[in-house]
N, C-alpha and C. Protein backbone atom coordinates (compact mmCIF):
# COMPACT_ATOMS: atom_id res chain seq x y z
N MET A 1 92.11 -16.63 18.00
CA MET A 1 91.74 -17.26 16.76
C MET A 1 90.86 -16.28 15.98
N VAL A 2 90.89 -16.40 14.68
CA VAL A 2 90.12 -15.50 13.82
C VAL A 2 89.13 -16.33 13.00
N TRP A 3 87.88 -15.88 12.98
CA TRP A 3 86.86 -16.48 12.11
C TRP A 3 86.67 -15.53 10.95
N GLY A 4 86.66 -16.08 9.74
CA GLY A 4 86.44 -15.26 8.56
C GLY A 4 85.69 -16.03 7.50
N ALA A 5 85.11 -15.30 6.60
CA ALA A 5 84.39 -15.89 5.47
C ALA A 5 84.39 -14.88 4.34
N PHE A 6 84.07 -15.34 3.13
CA PHE A 6 84.04 -14.42 2.00
C PHE A 6 83.04 -14.90 0.97
N SER A 7 82.75 -14.01 0.06
CA SER A 7 81.93 -14.34 -1.10
C SER A 7 82.51 -13.59 -2.28
N SER A 8 81.89 -13.72 -3.43
CA SER A 8 82.35 -12.96 -4.58
C SER A 8 82.17 -11.46 -4.37
N ALA A 9 81.34 -11.08 -3.40
CA ALA A 9 81.11 -9.67 -3.08
C ALA A 9 82.16 -9.11 -2.13
N GLY A 10 82.98 -9.97 -1.54
CA GLY A 10 84.02 -9.49 -0.63
C GLY A 10 84.05 -10.29 0.66
N PHE A 11 84.90 -9.82 1.57
CA PHE A 11 85.06 -10.47 2.86
C PHE A 11 83.96 -10.06 3.82
N LEU A 12 83.57 -10.98 4.68
CA LEU A 12 82.72 -10.64 5.81
C LEU A 12 83.62 -10.05 6.87
N ASP A 13 83.05 -9.32 7.82
CA ASP A 13 83.85 -8.79 8.91
C ASP A 13 84.45 -9.96 9.69
N LEU A 14 85.71 -9.80 10.09
CA LEU A 14 86.37 -10.84 10.87
C LEU A 14 85.83 -10.86 12.29
N ALA A 15 85.89 -12.02 12.89
CA ALA A 15 85.54 -12.17 14.31
C ALA A 15 86.76 -12.73 15.02
N PHE A 16 87.19 -12.06 16.06
CA PHE A 16 88.27 -12.56 16.89
C PHE A 16 87.62 -13.34 18.03
N VAL A 17 87.88 -14.64 18.06
CA VAL A 17 87.17 -15.54 18.96
C VAL A 17 88.16 -16.32 19.81
N THR A 18 87.63 -16.96 20.87
CA THR A 18 88.48 -17.80 21.70
C THR A 18 88.85 -19.06 20.92
N CYS A 19 89.92 -19.67 21.30
CA CYS A 19 90.37 -20.88 20.60
C CYS A 19 89.40 -22.04 20.78
N TRP A 20 88.71 -22.08 21.88
CA TRP A 20 87.82 -23.20 22.16
C TRP A 20 86.38 -22.72 22.08
N MET A 21 85.83 -22.76 20.90
CA MET A 21 84.44 -22.36 20.70
C MET A 21 83.53 -23.58 20.84
N ASN A 22 82.35 -23.34 21.41
CA ASN A 22 81.34 -24.38 21.40
C ASN A 22 80.27 -24.01 20.37
N THR A 23 79.27 -24.83 20.25
CA THR A 23 78.24 -24.62 19.23
C THR A 23 77.55 -23.27 19.40
N SER A 24 77.21 -22.91 20.62
CA SER A 24 76.52 -21.63 20.82
C SER A 24 77.43 -20.45 20.51
N ASP A 25 78.73 -20.56 20.82
CA ASP A 25 79.69 -19.50 20.45
C ASP A 25 79.72 -19.34 18.93
N TYR A 26 79.77 -20.45 18.23
CA TYR A 26 79.81 -20.41 16.76
C TYR A 26 78.55 -19.78 16.19
N GLN A 27 77.41 -20.17 16.73
CA GLN A 27 76.15 -19.60 16.25
C GLN A 27 76.07 -18.10 16.54
N GLU A 28 76.66 -17.66 17.63
CA GLU A 28 76.71 -16.23 17.93
C GLU A 28 77.55 -15.48 16.89
N VAL A 29 78.68 -16.07 16.49
CA VAL A 29 79.51 -15.47 15.44
C VAL A 29 78.72 -15.39 14.14
N LEU A 30 78.02 -16.45 13.80
CA LEU A 30 77.20 -16.44 12.58
C LEU A 30 76.13 -15.36 12.65
N GLN A 31 75.49 -15.26 13.81
CA GLN A 31 74.44 -14.25 14.00
C GLN A 31 75.00 -12.84 13.81
N ASP A 32 76.19 -12.60 14.38
CA ASP A 32 76.77 -11.26 14.36
C ASP A 32 77.48 -10.91 13.06
N HIS A 33 77.94 -11.91 12.30
CA HIS A 33 78.76 -11.63 11.12
C HIS A 33 78.16 -12.14 9.82
N LEU A 34 77.61 -13.33 9.83
CA LEU A 34 77.06 -13.89 8.59
C LEU A 34 75.72 -13.26 8.22
N LEU A 35 74.82 -13.16 9.18
CA LEU A 35 73.48 -12.65 8.85
C LEU A 35 73.49 -11.19 8.38
N PRO A 36 74.27 -10.29 9.01
CA PRO A 36 74.32 -8.92 8.47
C PRO A 36 74.85 -8.87 7.04
N PHE A 37 75.85 -9.68 6.73
CA PHE A 37 76.40 -9.75 5.38
C PHE A 37 75.33 -10.24 4.41
N ARG A 38 74.63 -11.26 4.82
CA ARG A 38 73.57 -11.81 3.97
C ARG A 38 72.48 -10.78 3.69
N ARG A 39 72.12 -10.00 4.70
CA ARG A 39 71.09 -8.97 4.51
C ARG A 39 71.56 -7.91 3.50
N ARG A 40 72.84 -7.56 3.55
CA ARG A 40 73.38 -6.55 2.61
C ARG A 40 73.31 -7.04 1.17
N PHE A 41 73.44 -8.32 0.96
CA PHE A 41 73.48 -8.89 -0.39
C PHE A 41 72.30 -9.84 -0.60
N SER A 42 71.15 -9.45 -0.13
CA SER A 42 69.98 -10.34 -0.11
C SER A 42 69.48 -10.73 -1.50
N ARG A 43 69.85 -9.99 -2.50
CA ARG A 43 69.36 -10.31 -3.85
C ARG A 43 70.22 -11.37 -4.55
N ARG A 44 71.34 -11.70 -3.98
CA ARG A 44 72.21 -12.71 -4.58
C ARG A 44 71.90 -14.08 -4.00
N GLN A 45 72.14 -15.10 -4.82
CA GLN A 45 72.04 -16.46 -4.30
C GLN A 45 73.14 -16.63 -3.26
N PHE A 46 72.83 -17.33 -2.20
CA PHE A 46 73.75 -17.41 -1.07
C PHE A 46 73.79 -18.84 -0.57
N ILE A 47 74.96 -19.46 -0.62
CA ILE A 47 75.16 -20.79 -0.05
C ILE A 47 76.39 -20.71 0.84
N PHE A 48 76.26 -21.12 2.08
CA PHE A 48 77.35 -21.06 3.04
C PHE A 48 78.04 -22.41 3.09
N GLN A 49 79.34 -22.42 2.86
CA GLN A 49 80.11 -23.66 2.83
C GLN A 49 80.62 -23.99 4.22
N LEU A 50 80.40 -25.21 4.65
CA LEU A 50 80.86 -25.67 5.96
C LEU A 50 81.91 -26.75 5.79
N ASP A 51 82.93 -26.70 6.65
CA ASP A 51 83.78 -27.88 6.73
C ASP A 51 83.14 -28.79 7.78
N ASN A 52 83.78 -29.85 8.13
CA ASN A 52 83.15 -30.81 9.04
C ASN A 52 83.57 -30.64 10.49
N ALA A 53 83.98 -29.45 10.88
CA ALA A 53 84.25 -29.22 12.30
C ALA A 53 82.97 -29.50 13.09
N ALA A 54 83.11 -30.10 14.24
CA ALA A 54 81.95 -30.54 15.02
C ALA A 54 80.96 -29.41 15.27
N ILE A 55 81.44 -28.23 15.62
CA ILE A 55 80.52 -27.12 15.91
C ILE A 55 79.84 -26.61 14.65
N HIS A 56 80.43 -26.84 13.49
CA HIS A 56 79.84 -26.39 12.23
C HIS A 56 78.69 -27.28 11.78
N VAL A 57 78.77 -28.55 12.10
CA VAL A 57 77.78 -29.51 11.59
C VAL A 57 76.95 -30.17 12.70
N SER A 58 77.01 -29.60 13.90
CA SER A 58 76.19 -30.16 14.98
C SER A 58 74.71 -30.02 14.60
N SER A 59 73.89 -30.86 15.17
CA SER A 59 72.45 -30.78 14.87
C SER A 59 71.90 -29.41 15.26
N SER A 60 72.41 -28.84 16.34
CA SER A 60 71.97 -27.51 16.76
C SER A 60 72.32 -26.45 15.72
N THR A 61 73.52 -26.51 15.17
CA THR A 61 73.93 -25.54 14.16
C THR A 61 73.16 -25.74 12.86
N ILE A 62 72.97 -26.98 12.44
CA ILE A 62 72.18 -27.24 11.23
C ILE A 62 70.75 -26.72 11.43
N ASP A 63 70.19 -26.93 12.62
CA ASP A 63 68.86 -26.38 12.92
C ASP A 63 68.88 -24.85 12.86
N TRP A 64 69.97 -24.24 13.34
CA TRP A 64 70.10 -22.77 13.30
C TRP A 64 70.08 -22.29 11.85
N PHE A 65 70.84 -22.96 10.98
CA PHE A 65 70.85 -22.59 9.56
C PHE A 65 69.45 -22.71 8.96
N ARG A 66 68.76 -23.79 9.27
CA ARG A 66 67.40 -23.97 8.75
C ARG A 66 66.47 -22.85 9.23
N ALA A 67 66.56 -22.53 10.52
CA ALA A 67 65.70 -21.49 11.10
C ALA A 67 65.96 -20.13 10.46
N LYS A 68 67.21 -19.89 10.05
CA LYS A 68 67.58 -18.61 9.44
C LYS A 68 67.50 -18.65 7.92
N ASN A 69 67.05 -19.78 7.37
CA ASN A 69 66.93 -19.96 5.91
C ASN A 69 68.25 -19.75 5.18
N VAL A 70 69.31 -20.31 5.75
CA VAL A 70 70.63 -20.25 5.12
C VAL A 70 70.90 -21.60 4.48
N ASP A 71 71.08 -21.62 3.17
CA ASP A 71 71.46 -22.85 2.47
C ASP A 71 72.92 -23.14 2.75
N VAL A 72 73.22 -24.40 3.03
CA VAL A 72 74.60 -24.77 3.33
C VAL A 72 75.10 -25.84 2.37
N LEU A 73 76.40 -25.84 2.18
CA LEU A 73 77.09 -26.85 1.39
C LEU A 73 78.07 -27.53 2.34
N LEU A 74 77.86 -28.80 2.60
CA LEU A 74 78.78 -29.54 3.46
C LEU A 74 80.02 -29.90 2.66
N TRP A 75 81.16 -29.85 3.30
CA TRP A 75 82.43 -30.05 2.64
C TRP A 75 83.06 -31.34 3.13
N PRO A 76 83.81 -32.05 2.31
CA PRO A 76 84.43 -33.30 2.76
C PRO A 76 85.37 -33.09 3.94
N ALA A 77 85.36 -34.03 4.85
CA ALA A 77 86.26 -33.96 6.00
C ALA A 77 87.71 -34.07 5.55
N CYS A 78 88.59 -33.46 6.29
CA CYS A 78 90.05 -33.57 6.08
C CYS A 78 90.44 -33.22 4.65
N SER A 79 89.90 -32.16 4.11
CA SER A 79 90.25 -31.75 2.75
C SER A 79 90.51 -30.25 2.67
N PRO A 80 91.48 -29.75 3.46
CA PRO A 80 91.72 -28.31 3.45
C PRO A 80 92.17 -27.78 2.09
N GLU A 81 92.76 -28.64 1.27
CA GLU A 81 93.21 -28.18 -0.05
C GLU A 81 92.03 -27.84 -0.96
N LEU A 82 90.84 -28.34 -0.64
CA LEU A 82 89.65 -28.04 -1.42
C LEU A 82 88.87 -26.86 -0.86
N ASN A 83 89.25 -26.39 0.31
CA ASN A 83 88.50 -25.34 0.99
C ASN A 83 89.06 -23.97 0.60
N PRO A 84 88.29 -23.15 -0.12
CA PRO A 84 88.80 -21.84 -0.55
C PRO A 84 89.25 -20.95 0.60
N MET A 85 88.60 -21.06 1.77
CA MET A 85 89.00 -20.20 2.89
C MET A 85 90.40 -20.55 3.36
N GLU A 86 90.79 -21.80 3.28
CA GLU A 86 92.16 -22.18 3.65
C GLU A 86 93.16 -21.51 2.71
N ASN A 87 92.80 -21.37 1.43
CA ASN A 87 93.67 -20.65 0.50
C ASN A 87 93.79 -19.18 0.88
N VAL A 88 92.68 -18.59 1.32
CA VAL A 88 92.72 -17.19 1.77
C VAL A 88 93.66 -17.03 2.95
N TRP A 89 93.52 -17.92 3.96
CA TRP A 89 94.40 -17.82 5.14
C TRP A 89 95.86 -17.98 4.73
N GLY A 90 96.14 -18.91 3.83
CA GLY A 90 97.52 -19.10 3.38
C GLY A 90 98.06 -17.88 2.66
N GLU A 91 97.27 -17.30 1.79
CA GLU A 91 97.67 -16.10 1.07
C GLU A 91 97.91 -14.94 2.03
N LEU A 92 97.03 -14.78 3.00
CA LEU A 92 97.20 -13.72 3.99
C LEU A 92 98.46 -13.94 4.81
N TRP A 93 98.69 -15.17 5.23
CA TRP A 93 99.87 -15.46 6.04
C TRP A 93 101.15 -15.17 5.25
N ASN A 94 101.16 -15.51 3.97
CA ASN A 94 102.34 -15.26 3.15
C ASN A 94 102.61 -13.77 2.95
N SER A 95 101.57 -12.95 2.95
CA SER A 95 101.76 -11.52 2.72
C SER A 95 101.82 -10.72 4.01
N TRP A 96 101.49 -11.34 5.12
CA TRP A 96 101.51 -10.66 6.42
C TRP A 96 102.20 -11.56 7.42
N ARG A 97 103.23 -11.05 8.02
CA ARG A 97 103.92 -11.81 9.06
C ARG A 97 103.91 -10.97 10.34
N PRO A 98 103.68 -11.60 11.48
CA PRO A 98 103.69 -10.82 12.73
C PRO A 98 105.04 -10.15 12.94
N LYS A 99 105.01 -8.84 13.07
CA LYS A 99 106.25 -8.09 13.25
C LYS A 99 106.17 -7.15 14.45
N TYR A 100 104.99 -6.97 15.01
CA TYR A 100 104.78 -5.93 16.00
C TYR A 100 104.11 -6.50 17.24
N GLY A 101 103.81 -5.63 18.21
CA GLY A 101 103.02 -6.01 19.37
C GLY A 101 101.61 -6.38 18.94
N TYR A 102 100.86 -6.99 19.85
CA TYR A 102 99.55 -7.55 19.51
C TYR A 102 98.61 -6.55 18.85
N SER A 103 98.41 -5.38 19.43
CA SER A 103 97.43 -4.44 18.87
C SER A 103 97.84 -3.99 17.47
N ARG A 104 99.14 -3.77 17.26
CA ARG A 104 99.60 -3.40 15.92
C ARG A 104 99.47 -4.57 14.96
N GLN A 105 99.66 -5.80 15.46
CA GLN A 105 99.50 -6.98 14.61
C GLN A 105 98.06 -7.09 14.12
N VAL A 106 97.11 -6.87 15.02
CA VAL A 106 95.69 -6.98 14.64
C VAL A 106 95.37 -5.93 13.58
N LYS A 107 95.81 -4.69 13.80
CA LYS A 107 95.55 -3.63 12.81
C LYS A 107 96.21 -3.96 11.48
N SER A 108 97.44 -4.45 11.53
CA SER A 108 98.16 -4.82 10.32
C SER A 108 97.45 -5.96 9.59
N PHE A 109 97.00 -6.96 10.34
CA PHE A 109 96.30 -8.09 9.75
C PHE A 109 95.00 -7.64 9.10
N LEU A 110 94.23 -6.80 9.79
CA LEU A 110 92.97 -6.30 9.24
C LEU A 110 93.21 -5.51 7.96
N HIS A 111 94.27 -4.71 7.96
CA HIS A 111 94.60 -3.93 6.76
C HIS A 111 94.90 -4.87 5.59
N GLU A 112 95.71 -5.89 5.82
CA GLU A 112 96.07 -6.84 4.77
C GLU A 112 94.85 -7.62 4.31
N PHE A 113 93.99 -8.00 5.24
CA PHE A 113 92.77 -8.74 4.92
C PHE A 113 91.88 -7.92 3.99
N LYS A 114 91.68 -6.65 4.32
CA LYS A 114 90.83 -5.79 3.49
C LYS A 114 91.49 -5.49 2.15
N LYS A 115 92.81 -5.39 2.14
CA LYS A 115 93.54 -5.08 0.90
C LYS A 115 93.36 -6.18 -0.14
N LYS A 116 93.26 -7.41 0.31
CA LYS A 116 93.08 -8.54 -0.62
C LYS A 116 91.81 -8.36 -1.44
N GLY A 117 90.74 -7.99 -0.71
CA GLY A 117 89.47 -7.62 -1.32
C GLY A 117 89.02 -8.42 -2.52
N THR A 118 88.32 -7.76 -3.40
CA THR A 118 87.66 -8.43 -4.50
C THR A 118 88.60 -8.79 -5.64
N GLN A 119 89.84 -8.34 -5.60
CA GLN A 119 90.78 -8.71 -6.67
C GLN A 119 91.16 -10.19 -6.57
N TYR A 120 91.29 -10.69 -5.36
CA TYR A 120 91.77 -12.05 -5.13
C TYR A 120 90.63 -13.07 -5.06
N LEU A 121 89.50 -12.68 -4.51
CA LEU A 121 88.42 -13.63 -4.22
C LEU A 121 87.78 -14.30 -5.42
N PRO A 122 87.51 -13.59 -6.53
CA PRO A 122 86.84 -14.28 -7.65
C PRO A 122 87.61 -15.49 -8.16
N ASN A 123 88.91 -15.51 -7.97
CA ASN A 123 89.71 -16.66 -8.41
C ASN A 123 89.43 -17.91 -7.58
N LEU A 124 88.87 -17.72 -6.39
CA LEU A 124 88.63 -18.85 -5.49
C LEU A 124 87.23 -19.42 -5.60
N ILE A 125 86.36 -18.72 -6.27
CA ILE A 125 84.96 -19.14 -6.31
C ILE A 125 84.64 -19.82 -7.63
């Protein structure tokens, strides 16, 4: 499974994670990927959008966001059509189809993900 996020400044680094993440796994991904991105763009207003996945909105994760001073926007449950990241995944899937062995697929996917870049993202924000 792939974890990803973006802002008007571009994509955050992708995280390749296990399919079954728990709250601490999710917080580790945030620590390793979200916080470095936030530090790079510290002068911009920053609000992290959450869907209602249990690990995203657990009391432990909400406490983690508070401790790290990350403002969050909770998103309505069962509304993927309103979630900009779902549009990104759909766009990527339409432009990239698995054609190779796993390692080549990952490289191909990363290339396509980076290629989308800042040309596509402002339309989603």
